[in-house]
Amino acid sequence: MRRTEPQETIIKGRVTDLSASDNPLGGTDIRRSVIIKWTYRPNGRPIKIIVLLDKNDYVAASDAHLNWTTVEVTGILQRAGNIWKLAKPHSFKIIGN
């Protein structure tokens, strides 16, 4: 079996959940995560992906959730059992409906 190098993936979807280990507007050591529902193209099935964000991106994600707008973020998609995560997320932005 051939192993492939992890590739960066752009995911687009809606923020369905937000979570913070403490005050999300607090310091830099606060763990802030969102779940983005993304439709994976090959099989058309939606998956939920956990994404850790910094404070500014978390606030933007919160706004996107409240307005139910689509977001986009780039990172390395990883799967551990039934859980999907986006490692090394960057370039988070709101792209509209």
PDB file of N, CA and C in Angstrom:
ATOM      1  N   MET A   1       0.835  -1.167   0.000  1.00  0.00           N
ATOM      2  CA  MET A   1       0.000   0.000   0.000  1.00  0.00           C
ATOM      3  C   MET A   1       0.889   1.242   0.000  1.00  0.00           C
ATOM      4  N   ARG A   2       0.582   2.175  -0.822  1.00  0.00           N
ATOM      5  CA  ARG A   2       1.363   3.394  -0.948  1.00  0.00           C
ATOM      6  C   ARG A   2       0.802   4.474  -0.020  1.00  0.00           C
ATOM      7  N   ARG A   3       1.683   5.143   0.697  1.00  0.00           N
ATOM      8  CA  ARG A   3       1.275   6.243   1.572  1.00  0.00           C
ATOM      9  C   ARG A   3       1.394   7.546   0.796  1.00  0.00           C
ATOM     10  N   THR A   4       0.429   8.408   0.974  1.00  0.00           N
ATOM     11  CA  THR A   4       0.472   9.705   0.317  1.00  0.00           C
ATOM     12  C   THR A   4       0.725  10.779   1.358  1.00  0.00           C
ATOM     13  N   GLU A   5       1.390  11.820   0.941  1.00  0.00           N
ATOM     14  CA  GLU A   5       1.650  12.957   1.819  1.00  0.00           C
ATOM     15  C   GLU A   5       0.343  13.706   2.061  1.00  0.00           C
ATOM     16  N   PRO A   6       0.173  14.209   3.281  1.00  0.00           N
ATOM     17  CA  PRO A   6      -1.030  15.011   3.537  1.00  0.00           C
ATOM     18  C   PRO A   6      -1.050  16.239   2.627  1.00  0.00           C
ATOM     19  N   GLN A   7      -2.211  16.537   2.122  1.00  0.00           N
ATOM     20  CA  GLN A   7      -2.355  17.683   1.226  1.00  0.00           C
ATOM     21  C   GLN A   7      -3.270  18.718   1.855  1.00  0.00           C
ATOM     22  N   GLU A   8      -2.985  19.972   1.561  1.00  0.00           N
ATOM     23  CA  GLU A   8      -3.871  21.026   2.024  1.00  0.00           C
ATOM     24  C   GLU A   8      -5.191  20.926   1.264  1.00  0.00           C
ATOM     25  N   THR A   9      -6.250  21.186   1.994  1.00  0.00           N
ATOM     26  CA  THR A   9      -7.592  21.116   1.438  1.00  0.00           C
ATOM     27  C   THR A   9      -8.327  22.395   1.797  1.00  0.00           C
ATOM     28  N   ILE A  10      -9.090  22.917   0.877  1.00  0.00           N
ATOM     29  CA  ILE A  10      -9.957  24.060   1.159  1.00  0.00           C
ATOM     30  C   ILE A  10     -11.338  23.507   1.449  1.00  0.00           C
ATOM     31  N   ILE A  11     -11.850  23.817   2.623  1.00  0.00           N
ATOM     32  CA  ILE A  11     -13.219  23.393   2.935  1.00  0.00           C
ATOM     33  C   ILE A  11     -14.113  24.618   2.976  1.00  0.00           C
ATOM     34  N   LYS A  12     -15.328  24.422   2.515  1.00  0.00           N
ATOM     35  CA  LYS A  12     -16.338  25.480   2.513  1.00  0.00           C
ATOM     36  C   LYS A  12     -17.599  24.895   3.120  1.00  0.00           C
ATOM     37  N   GLY A  13     -18.203  25.639   4.003  1.00  0.00           N
ATOM     38  CA  GLY A  13     -19.431  25.161   4.612  1.00  0.00           C
ATOM     39  C   GLY A  13     -19.953  26.149   5.631  1.00  0.00           C
ATOM     40  N   ARG A  14     -20.885  25.685   6.440  1.00  0.00           N
ATOM     41  CA  ARG A  14     -21.490  26.538   7.463  1.00  0.00           C
ATOM     42  C   ARG A  14     -21.034  26.093   8.846  1.00  0.00           C
ATOM     43  N   VAL A  15     -20.837  27.062   9.720  1.00  0.00           N
ATOM     44  CA  VAL A  15     -20.461  26.789  11.100  1.00  0.00           C
ATOM     45  C   VAL A  15     -21.714  26.301  11.822  1.00  0.00           C
ATOM     46  N   THR A  16     -21.654  25.082  12.368  1.00  0.00           N
ATOM     47  CA  THR A  16     -22.818  24.525  13.055  1.00  0.00           C
ATOM     48  C   THR A  16     -22.663  24.523  14.570  1.00  0.00           C
ATOM     49  N   ASP A  17     -21.418  24.581  15.065  1.00  0.00           N
ATOM     50  CA  ASP A  17     -21.163  24.547  16.502  1.00  0.00           C
ATOM     51  C   ASP A  17     -19.937  25.391  16.823  1.00  0.00           C
ATOM     52  N   LEU A  18     -19.948  26.003  18.010  1.00  0.00           N
ATOM     53  CA  LEU A  18     -18.810  26.754  18.515  1.00  0.00           C
ATOM     54  C   LEU A  18     -18.516  26.290  19.930  1.00  0.00           C
ATOM     55  N   SER A  19     -17.223  26.276  20.299  1.00  0.00           N
ATOM     56  CA  SER A  19     -16.835  25.850  21.638  1.00  0.00           C
ATOM     57  C   SER A  19     -15.568  26.589  22.058  1.00  0.00           C
ATOM     58  N   ALA A  20     -15.498  26.935  23.341  1.00  0.00           N
ATOM     59  CA  ALA A  20     -14.301  27.572  23.889  1.00  0.00           C
ATOM     60  C   ALA A  20     -14.051  27.028  25.285  1.00  0.00           C
ATOM     61  N   SER A  21     -12.781  26.850  25.633  1.00  0.00           N
ATOM     62  CA  SER A  21     -12.420  26.303  26.940  1.00  0.00           C
ATOM     63  C   SER A  21     -12.598  27.326  28.064  1.00  0.00           C
ATOM     64  N   ASP A  22     -12.712  28.595  27.712  1.00  0.00           N
ATOM     65  CA  ASP A  22     -12.905  29.685  28.666  1.00  0.00           C
ATOM     66  C   ASP A  22     -13.484  30.853  27.872  1.00  0.00           C
ATOM     67  N   ASN A  23     -13.432  32.037  28.424  1.00  0.00           N
ATOM     68  CA  ASN A  23     -13.938  33.216  27.728  1.00  0.00           C
ATOM     69  C   ASN A  23     -13.306  33.297  26.337  1.00  0.00           C
ATOM     70  N   PRO A  24     -14.096  33.172  25.262  1.00  0.00           N
ATOM     71  CA  PRO A  24     -13.526  33.152  23.911  1.00  0.00           C
ATOM     72  C   PRO A  24     -12.832  34.460  23.525  1.00  0.00           C
ATOM     73  N   LEU A  25     -13.138  35.533  24.230  1.00  0.00           N
ATOM     74  CA  LEU A  25     -12.471  36.801  23.936  1.00  0.00           C
ATOM     75  C   LEU A  25     -11.267  37.018  24.845  1.00  0.00           C
ATOM     76  N   GLY A  26     -10.919  36.003  25.628  1.00  0.00           N
ATOM     77  CA  GLY A  26      -9.802  36.081  26.555  1.00  0.00           C
ATOM     78  C   GLY A  26      -8.457  35.938  25.867  1.00  0.00           C
ATOM     79  N   GLY A  27      -7.479  35.474  26.625  1.00  0.00           N
ATOM     80  CA  GLY A  27      -6.092  35.394  26.176  1.00  0.00           C
ATOM     81  C   GLY A  27      -5.843  34.404  25.058  1.00  0.00           C
ATOM     82  N   THR A  28      -4.564  34.300  24.703  1.00  0.00           N
ATOM     83  CA  THR A  28      -4.175  33.455  23.573  1.00  0.00           C
ATOM     84  C   THR A  28      -4.140  31.973  23.921  1.00  0.00           C
ATOM     85  N   ASP A  29      -4.151  31.636  25.214  1.00  0.00           N
ATOM     86  CA  ASP A  29      -4.084  30.227  25.598  1.00  0.00           C
ATOM     87  C   ASP A  29      -5.449  29.547  25.657  1.00  0.00           C
ATOM     88  N   ILE A  30      -6.497  30.249  25.257  1.00  0.00           N
ATOM     89  CA  ILE A  30      -7.853  29.694  25.226  1.00  0.00           C
ATOM     90  C   ILE A  30      -8.007  28.817  23.986  1.00  0.00           C
ATOM     91  N   ARG A  31      -8.566  27.622  24.168  1.00  0.00           N
ATOM     92  CA  ARG A  31      -8.831  26.722  23.035  1.00  0.00           C
ATOM     93  C   ARG A  31     -10.204  27.069  22.457  1.00  0.00           C
ATOM     94  N   ARG A  32     -10.206  27.500  21.213  1.00  0.00           N
ATOM     95  CA  ARG A  32     -11.444  27.869  20.523  1.00  0.00           C
ATOM     96  C   ARG A  32     -11.609  26.960  19.309  1.00  0.00           C
ATOM     97  N   SER A  33     -12.759  26.322  19.201  1.00  0.00           N
ATOM     98  CA  SER A  33     -12.981  25.450  18.049  1.00  0.00           C
ATOM     99  C   SER A  33     -14.382  25.649  17.504  1.00  0.00           C
ATOM    100  N   VAL A  34     -14.504  25.351  16.230  1.00  0.00           N
ATOM    101  CA  VAL A  34     -15.812  25.378  15.569  1.00  0.00           C
ATOM    102  C   VAL A  34     -15.964  24.061  14.807  1.00  0.00           C
ATOM    103  N   ILE A  35     -17.191  23.740  14.497  1.00  0.00           N
ATOM    104  CA  ILE A  35     -17.461  22.617  13.604  1.00  0.00           C
ATOM    105  C   ILE A  35     -18.076  23.192  12.336  1.00  0.00           C
ATOM    106  N   ILE A  36     -17.482  22.817  11.227  1.00  0.00           N
ATOM    107  CA  ILE A  36     -17.963  23.268   9.922  1.00  0.00           C
ATOM    108  C   ILE A  36     -18.531  22.059   9.187  1.00  0.00           C
ATOM    109  N   LYS A  37     -19.759  22.184   8.718  1.00  0.00           N
ATOM    110  CA  LYS A  37     -20.401  21.116   7.944  1.00  0.00           C
ATOM    111  C   LYS A  37     -20.035  21.331   6.478  1.00  0.00           C
ATOM    112  N   TRP A  38     -19.314  20.351   5.926  1.00  0.00           N
ATOM    113  CA  TRP A  38     -18.772  20.435   4.576  1.00  0.00           C
ATOM    114  C   TRP A  38     -19.260  19.251   3.764  1.00  0.00           C
ATOM    115  N   THR A  39     -19.648  19.496   2.528  1.00  0.00           N
ATOM    116  CA  THR A  39     -20.056  18.403   1.647  1.00  0.00           C
ATOM    117  C   THR A  39     -18.848  17.965   0.841  1.00  0.00           C
ATOM    118  N   TYR A  40     -18.381  16.766   1.153  1.00  0.00           N
ATOM    119  CA  TYR A  40     -17.222  16.184   0.483  1.00  0.00           C
ATOM    120  C   TYR A  40     -17.646  15.758  -0.916  1.00  0.00           C
ATOM    121  N   ARG A  41     -17.012  16.271  -1.928  1.00  0.00           N
ATOM    122  CA  ARG A  41     -17.447  16.109  -3.314  1.00  0.00           C
ATOM    123  C   ARG A  41     -17.526  14.681  -3.855  1.00  0.00           C
ATOM    124  N   PRO A  42     -16.541  13.809  -3.644  1.00  0.00           N
ATOM    125  CA  PRO A  42     -16.631  12.493  -4.306  1.00  0.00           C
ATOM    126  C   PRO A  42     -17.915  11.718  -4.023  1.00  0.00           C
ATOM    127  N   ASN A  43     -18.416  11.777  -2.791  1.00  0.00           N
ATOM    128  CA  ASN A  43     -19.630  11.005  -2.519  1.00  0.00           C
ATOM    129  C   ASN A  43     -20.823  11.886  -2.176  1.00  0.00           C
ATOM    130  N   GLY A  44     -20.638  13.200  -2.141  1.00  0.00           N
ATOM    131  CA  GLY A  44     -21.732  14.121  -1.886  1.00  0.00           C
ATOM    132  C   GLY A  44     -22.289  14.075  -0.479  1.00  0.00           C
ATOM    133  N   ARG A  45     -21.591  13.390   0.433  1.00  0.00           N
ATOM    134  CA  ARG A  45     -22.053  13.233   1.806  1.00  0.00           C
ATOM    135  C   ARG A  45     -21.480  14.345   2.681  1.00  0.00           C
ATOM    136  N   PRO A  46     -22.316  15.009   3.485  1.00  0.00           N
ATOM    137  CA  PRO A  46     -21.772  16.055   4.362  1.00  0.00           C
ATOM    138  C   PRO A  46     -21.014  15.445   5.540  1.00  0.00           C
ATOM    139  N   ILE A  47     -19.898  16.070   5.905  1.00  0.00           N
ATOM    140  CA  ILE A  47     -19.153  15.655   7.085  1.00  0.00           C
ATOM    141  C   ILE A  47     -18.934  16.880   7.965  1.00  0.00           C
ATOM    142  N   LYS A  48     -18.786  16.642   9.254  1.00  0.00           N
ATOM    143  CA  LYS A  48     -18.520  17.724  10.192  1.00  0.00           C
ATOM    144  C   LYS A  48     -17.041  17.699  10.544  1.00  0.00           C
ATOM    145  N   ILE A  49     -16.402  18.855  10.426  1.00  0.00           N
ATOM    146  CA  ILE A  49     -14.966  18.959  10.623  1.00  0.00           C
ATOM    147  C   ILE A  49     -14.683  19.924  11.774  1.00  0.00           C
ATOM    148  N   ILE A  50     -13.858  19.486  12.730  1.00  0.00           N
ATOM    149  CA  ILE A  50     -13.454  20.330  13.849  1.00  0.00           C
ATOM    150  C   ILE A  50     -12.271  21.176  13.407  1.00  0.00           C
ATOM    151  N   VAL A  51     -12.385  22.486  13.666  1.00  0.00           N
ATOM    152  CA  VAL A  51     -11.327  23.419  13.283  1.00  0.00           C
ATOM    153  C   VAL A  51     -10.995  24.306  14.483  1.00  0.00           C
ATOM    154  N   LEU A  52      -9.720  24.332  14.878  1.00  0.00           N
ATOM    155  CA  LEU A  52      -9.267  25.236  15.940  1.00  0.00           C
ATOM    156  C   LEU A  52      -8.949  26.588  15.318  1.00  0.00           C
ATOM    157  N   LEU A  53      -9.438  27.657  15.962  1.00  0.00           N
ATOM    158  CA  LEU A  53      -9.254  28.996  15.417  1.00  0.00           C
ATOM    159  C   LEU A  53      -8.657  29.934  16.447  1.00  0.00           C
ATOM    160  N   ASP A  54      -7.988  30.986  15.968  1.00  0.00           N
ATOM    161  CA  ASP A  54      -7.526  32.028  16.876  1.00  0.00           C
ATOM    162  C   ASP A  54      -8.716  32.933  17.216  1.00  0.00           C
ATOM    163  N   LYS A  55      -8.492  33.891  18.096  1.00  0.00           N
ATOM    164  CA  LYS A  55      -9.588  34.725  18.594  1.00  0.00           C
ATOM    165  C   LYS A  55     -10.321  35.476  17.479  1.00  0.00           C
ATOM    166  N   ASN A  56      -9.598  36.127  16.592  1.00  0.00           N
ATOM    167  CA  ASN A  56     -10.241  36.916  15.534  1.00  0.00           C
ATOM    168  C   ASN A  56     -11.061  36.041  14.584  1.00  0.00           C
ATOM    169  N   ASP A  57     -10.514  34.904  14.199  1.00  0.00           N
ATOM    170  CA  ASP A  57     -11.247  33.999  13.307  1.00  0.00           C
ATOM    171  C   ASP A  57     -12.457  33.393  14.012  1.00  0.00           C
ATOM    172  N   TYR A  58     -12.323  33.131  15.326  1.00  0.00           N
ATOM    173  CA  TYR A  58     -13.439  32.587  16.098  1.00  0.00           C
ATOM    174  C   TYR A  58     -14.601  33.583  16.134  1.00  0.00           C
ATOM    175  N   VAL A  59     -14.287  34.867  16.327  1.00  0.00           N
ATOM    176  CA  VAL A  59     -15.331  35.909  16.335  1.00  0.00           C
ATOM    177  C   VAL A  59     -15.999  35.976  14.961  1.00  0.00           C
ATOM    178  N   ALA A  60     -15.206  35.904  13.894  1.00  0.00           N
ATOM    179  CA  ALA A  60     -15.775  35.910  12.541  1.00  0.00           C
ATOM    180  C   ALA A  60     -16.649  34.675  12.322  1.00  0.00           C
ATOM    181  N   ALA A  61     -16.208  33.532  12.820  1.00  0.00           N
ATOM    182  CA  ALA A  61     -16.993  32.294  12.691  1.00  0.00           C
ATOM    183  C   ALA A  61     -18.303  32.407  13.453  1.00  0.00           C
ATOM    184  N   SER A  62     -18.261  33.068  14.601  1.00  0.00           N
ATOM    185  CA  SER A  62     -19.477  33.286  15.384  1.00  0.00           C
ATOM    186  C   SER A  62     -20.476  34.130  14.597  1.00  0.00           C
ATOM    187  N   ASP A  63     -19.984  35.191  13.973  1.00  0.00           N
ATOM    188  CA  ASP A  63     -20.853  36.026  13.129  1.00  0.00           C
ATOM    189  C   ASP A  63     -21.424  35.224  11.967  1.00  0.00           C
ATOM    190  N   ALA A  64     -20.593  34.407  11.346  1.00  0.00           N
ATOM    191  CA  ALA A  64     -21.056  33.586  10.223  1.00  0.00           C
ATOM    192  C   ALA A  64     -22.126  32.601  10.683  1.00  0.00           C
ATOM    193  N   HIS A  65     -21.960  32.071  11.881  1.00  0.00           N
ATOM    194  CA  HIS A  65     -22.957  31.136  12.426  1.00  0.00           C
ATOM    195  C   HIS A  65     -24.285  31.856  12.660  1.00  0.00           C
ATOM    196  N   LEU A  66     -24.217  33.026  13.274  1.00  0.00           N
ATOM    197  CA  LEU A  66     -25.451  33.781  13.558  1.00  0.00           C
ATOM    198  C   LEU A  66     -26.181  34.199  12.286  1.00  0.00           C
ATOM    199  N   ASN A  67     -25.429  34.497  11.231  1.00  0.00           N
ATOM    200  CA  ASN A  67     -26.030  34.933   9.963  1.00  0.00           C
ATOM    201  C   ASN A  67     -26.196  33.788   8.966  1.00  0.00           C
ATOM    202  N   TRP A  68     -25.765  32.574   9.379  1.00  0.00           N
ATOM    203  CA  TRP A  68     -25.864  31.369   8.562  1.00  0.00           C
ATOM    204  C   TRP A  68     -25.254  31.580   7.180  1.00  0.00           C
ATOM    205  N   THR A  69     -24.028  32.136   7.177  1.00  0.00           N
ATOM    206  CA  THR A  69     -23.298  32.353   5.937  1.00  0.00           C
ATOM    207  C   THR A  69     -22.184  31.316   5.807  1.00  0.00           C
ATOM    208  N   THR A  70     -21.740  31.118   4.597  1.00  0.00           N
ATOM    209  CA  THR A  70     -20.712  30.129   4.296  1.00  0.00           C
ATOM    210  C   THR A  70     -19.328  30.681   4.621  1.00  0.00           C
ATOM    211  N   VAL A  71     -18.489  29.794   5.164  1.00  0.00           N
ATOM    212  CA  VAL A  71     -17.101  30.161   5.450  1.00  0.00           C
ATOM    213  C   VAL A  71     -16.174  29.260   4.645  1.00  0.00           C
ATOM    214  N   GLU A  72     -14.917  29.686   4.573  1.00  0.00           N
ATOM    215  CA  GLU A  72     -13.896  28.913   3.881  1.00  0.00           C
ATOM    216  C   GLU A  72     -12.636  28.923   4.740  1.00  0.00           C
ATOM    217  N   VAL A  73     -11.965  27.784   4.821  1.00  0.00           N
ATOM    218  CA  VAL A  73     -10.710  27.691   5.557  1.00  0.00           C
ATOM    219  C   VAL A  73      -9.851  26.616   4.907  1.00  0.00           C
ATOM    220  N   THR A  74      -8.539  26.821   4.949  1.00  0.00           N
ATOM    221  CA  THR A  74      -7.590  25.895   4.345  1.00  0.00           C
ATOM    222  C   THR A  74      -6.787  25.199   5.436  1.00  0.00           C
ATOM    223  N   GLY A  75      -6.507  23.920   5.255  1.00  0.00           N
ATOM    224  CA  GLY A  75      -5.699  23.168   6.200  1.00  0.00           C
ATOM    225  C   GLY A  75      -5.536  21.738   5.730  1.00  0.00           C
ATOM    226  N   ILE A  76      -4.995  20.909   6.606  1.00  0.00           N
ATOM    227  CA  ILE A  76      -4.765  19.506   6.274  1.00  0.00           C
ATOM    228  C   ILE A  76      -5.861  18.666   6.914  1.00  0.00           C
ATOM    229  N   LEU A  77      -6.681  18.066   6.079  1.00  0.00           N
ATOM    230  CA  LEU A  77      -7.812  17.275   6.546  1.00  0.00           C
ATOM    231  C   LEU A  77      -7.315  15.936   7.093  1.00  0.00           C
ATOM    232  N   GLN A  78      -7.732  15.625   8.333  1.00  0.00           N
ATOM    233  CA  GLN A  78      -7.315  14.385   8.983  1.00  0.00           C
ATOM    234  C   GLN A  78      -8.524  13.681   9.560  1.00  0.00           C
ATOM    235  N   ARG A  79      -8.460  12.354   9.538  1.00  0.00           N
ATOM    236  CA  ARG A  79      -9.553  11.557  10.097  1.00  0.00           C
ATOM    237  C   ARG A  79      -8.992  10.615  11.146  1.00  0.00           C
ATOM    238  N   ALA A  80      -9.655  10.589  12.301  1.00  0.00           N
ATOM    239  CA  ALA A  80      -9.303   9.654  13.366  1.00  0.00           C
ATOM    240  C   ALA A  80     -10.598   8.958  13.770  1.00  0.00           C
ATOM    241  N   GLY A  81     -10.811   7.760  13.254  1.00  0.00           N
ATOM    242  CA  GLY A  81     -12.071   7.063  13.490  1.00  0.00           C
ATOM    243  C   GLY A  81     -13.200   7.793  12.784  1.00  0.00           C
ATOM    244  N   ASN A  82     -14.195   8.196  13.558  1.00  0.00           N
ATOM    245  CA  ASN A  82     -15.331   8.933  12.980  1.00  0.00           C
ATOM    246  C   ASN A  82     -15.174  10.438  13.084  1.00  0.00           C
ATOM    247  N   ILE A  83     -14.038  10.895  13.597  1.00  0.00           N
ATOM    248  CA  ILE A  83     -13.837  12.328  13.813  1.00  0.00           C
ATOM    249  C   ILE A  83     -12.930  12.905  12.734  1.00  0.00           C
ATOM    250  N   TRP A  84     -13.365  14.009  12.147  1.00  0.00           N
ATOM    251  CA  TRP A  84     -12.584  14.728  11.146  1.00  0.00           C
ATOM    252  C   TRP A  84     -12.063  16.009  11.777  1.00  0.00           C
ATOM    253  N   LYS A  85     -10.804  16.335  11.501  1.00  0.00           N
ATOM    254  CA  LYS A  85     -10.196  17.574  11.986  1.00  0.00           C
ATOM    255  C   LYS A  85      -9.435  18.225  10.849  1.00  0.00           C
ATOM    256  N   LEU A  86      -9.297  19.553  10.954  1.00  0.00           N
ATOM    257  CA  LEU A  86      -8.496  20.289   9.993  1.00  0.00           C
ATOM    258  C   LEU A  86      -7.255  20.787  10.727  1.00  0.00           C
ATOM    259  N   ALA A  87      -6.109  20.189  10.427  1.00  0.00           N
ATOM    260  CA  ALA A  87      -4.856  20.576  11.068  1.00  0.00           C
ATOM    261  C   ALA A  87      -4.258  21.792  10.359  1.00  0.00           C
ATOM    262  N   LYS A  88      -3.532  22.585  11.101  1.00  0.00           N
ATOM    263  CA  LYS A  88      -2.857  23.779  10.584  1.00  0.00           C
ATOM    264  C   LYS A  88      -3.799  24.679   9.787  1.00  0.00           C
ATOM    265  N   PRO A  89      -4.963  25.037  10.366  1.00  0.00           N
ATOM    266  CA  PRO A  89      -5.904  25.874   9.618  1.00  0.00           C
ATOM    267  C   PRO A  89      -5.357  27.287   9.408  1.00  0.00           C
ATOM    268  N   HIS A  90      -5.658  27.827   8.251  1.00  0.00           N
ATOM    269  CA  HIS A  90      -5.278  29.213   7.939  1.00  0.00           C
ATOM    270  C   HIS A  90      -6.206  29.753   6.863  1.00  0.00           C
ATOM    271  N   SER A  91      -6.113  31.026   6.622  1.00  0.00           N
ATOM    272  CA  SER A  91      -6.897  31.713   5.578  1.00  0.00           C
ATOM    273  C   SER A  91      -8.399  31.566   5.796  1.00  0.00           C
ATOM    274  N   PHE A  92      -8.843  31.675   7.061  1.00  0.00           N
ATOM    275  CA  PHE A  92     -10.279  31.613   7.367  1.00  0.00           C
ATOM    276  C   PHE A  92     -10.945  32.873   6.832  1.00  0.00           C
ATOM    277  N   LYS A  93     -12.091  32.712   6.182  1.00  0.00           N
ATOM    278  CA  LYS A  93     -12.840  33.882   5.723  1.00  0.00           C
ATOM    279  C   LYS A  93     -14.302  33.528   5.517  1.00  0.00           C
ATOM    280  N   ILE A  94     -15.127  34.557   5.600  1.00  0.00           N
ATOM    281  CA  ILE A  94     -16.548  34.434   5.298  1.00  0.00           C
ATOM    282  C   ILE A  94     -16.718  34.703   3.814  1.00  0.00           C
ATOM    283  N   ILE A  95     -17.399  33.799   3.116  1.00  0.00           N
ATOM    284  CA  ILE A  95     -17.539  33.974   1.658  1.00  0.00           C
ATOM    285  C   ILE A  95     -18.976  34.244   1.227  1.00  0.00           C
ATOM    286  N   GLY A  96     -19.921  34.260   2.147  1.00  0.00           N
ATOM    287  CA  GLY A  96     -21.305  34.590   1.791  1.00  0.00           C
ATOM    288  C   GLY A  96     -22.217  33.404   1.828  1.00  0.00           C
ATOM    289  N   ASN A  97     -23.397  33.553   1.226  1.00  0.00           N
ATOM    290  CA  ASN A  97     -24.425  32.510   1.284  1.00  0.00           C
ATOM    291  C   ASN A  97     -24.091  31.416   0.394  1.00  0.00           C
TER     292      ASN A  97
END
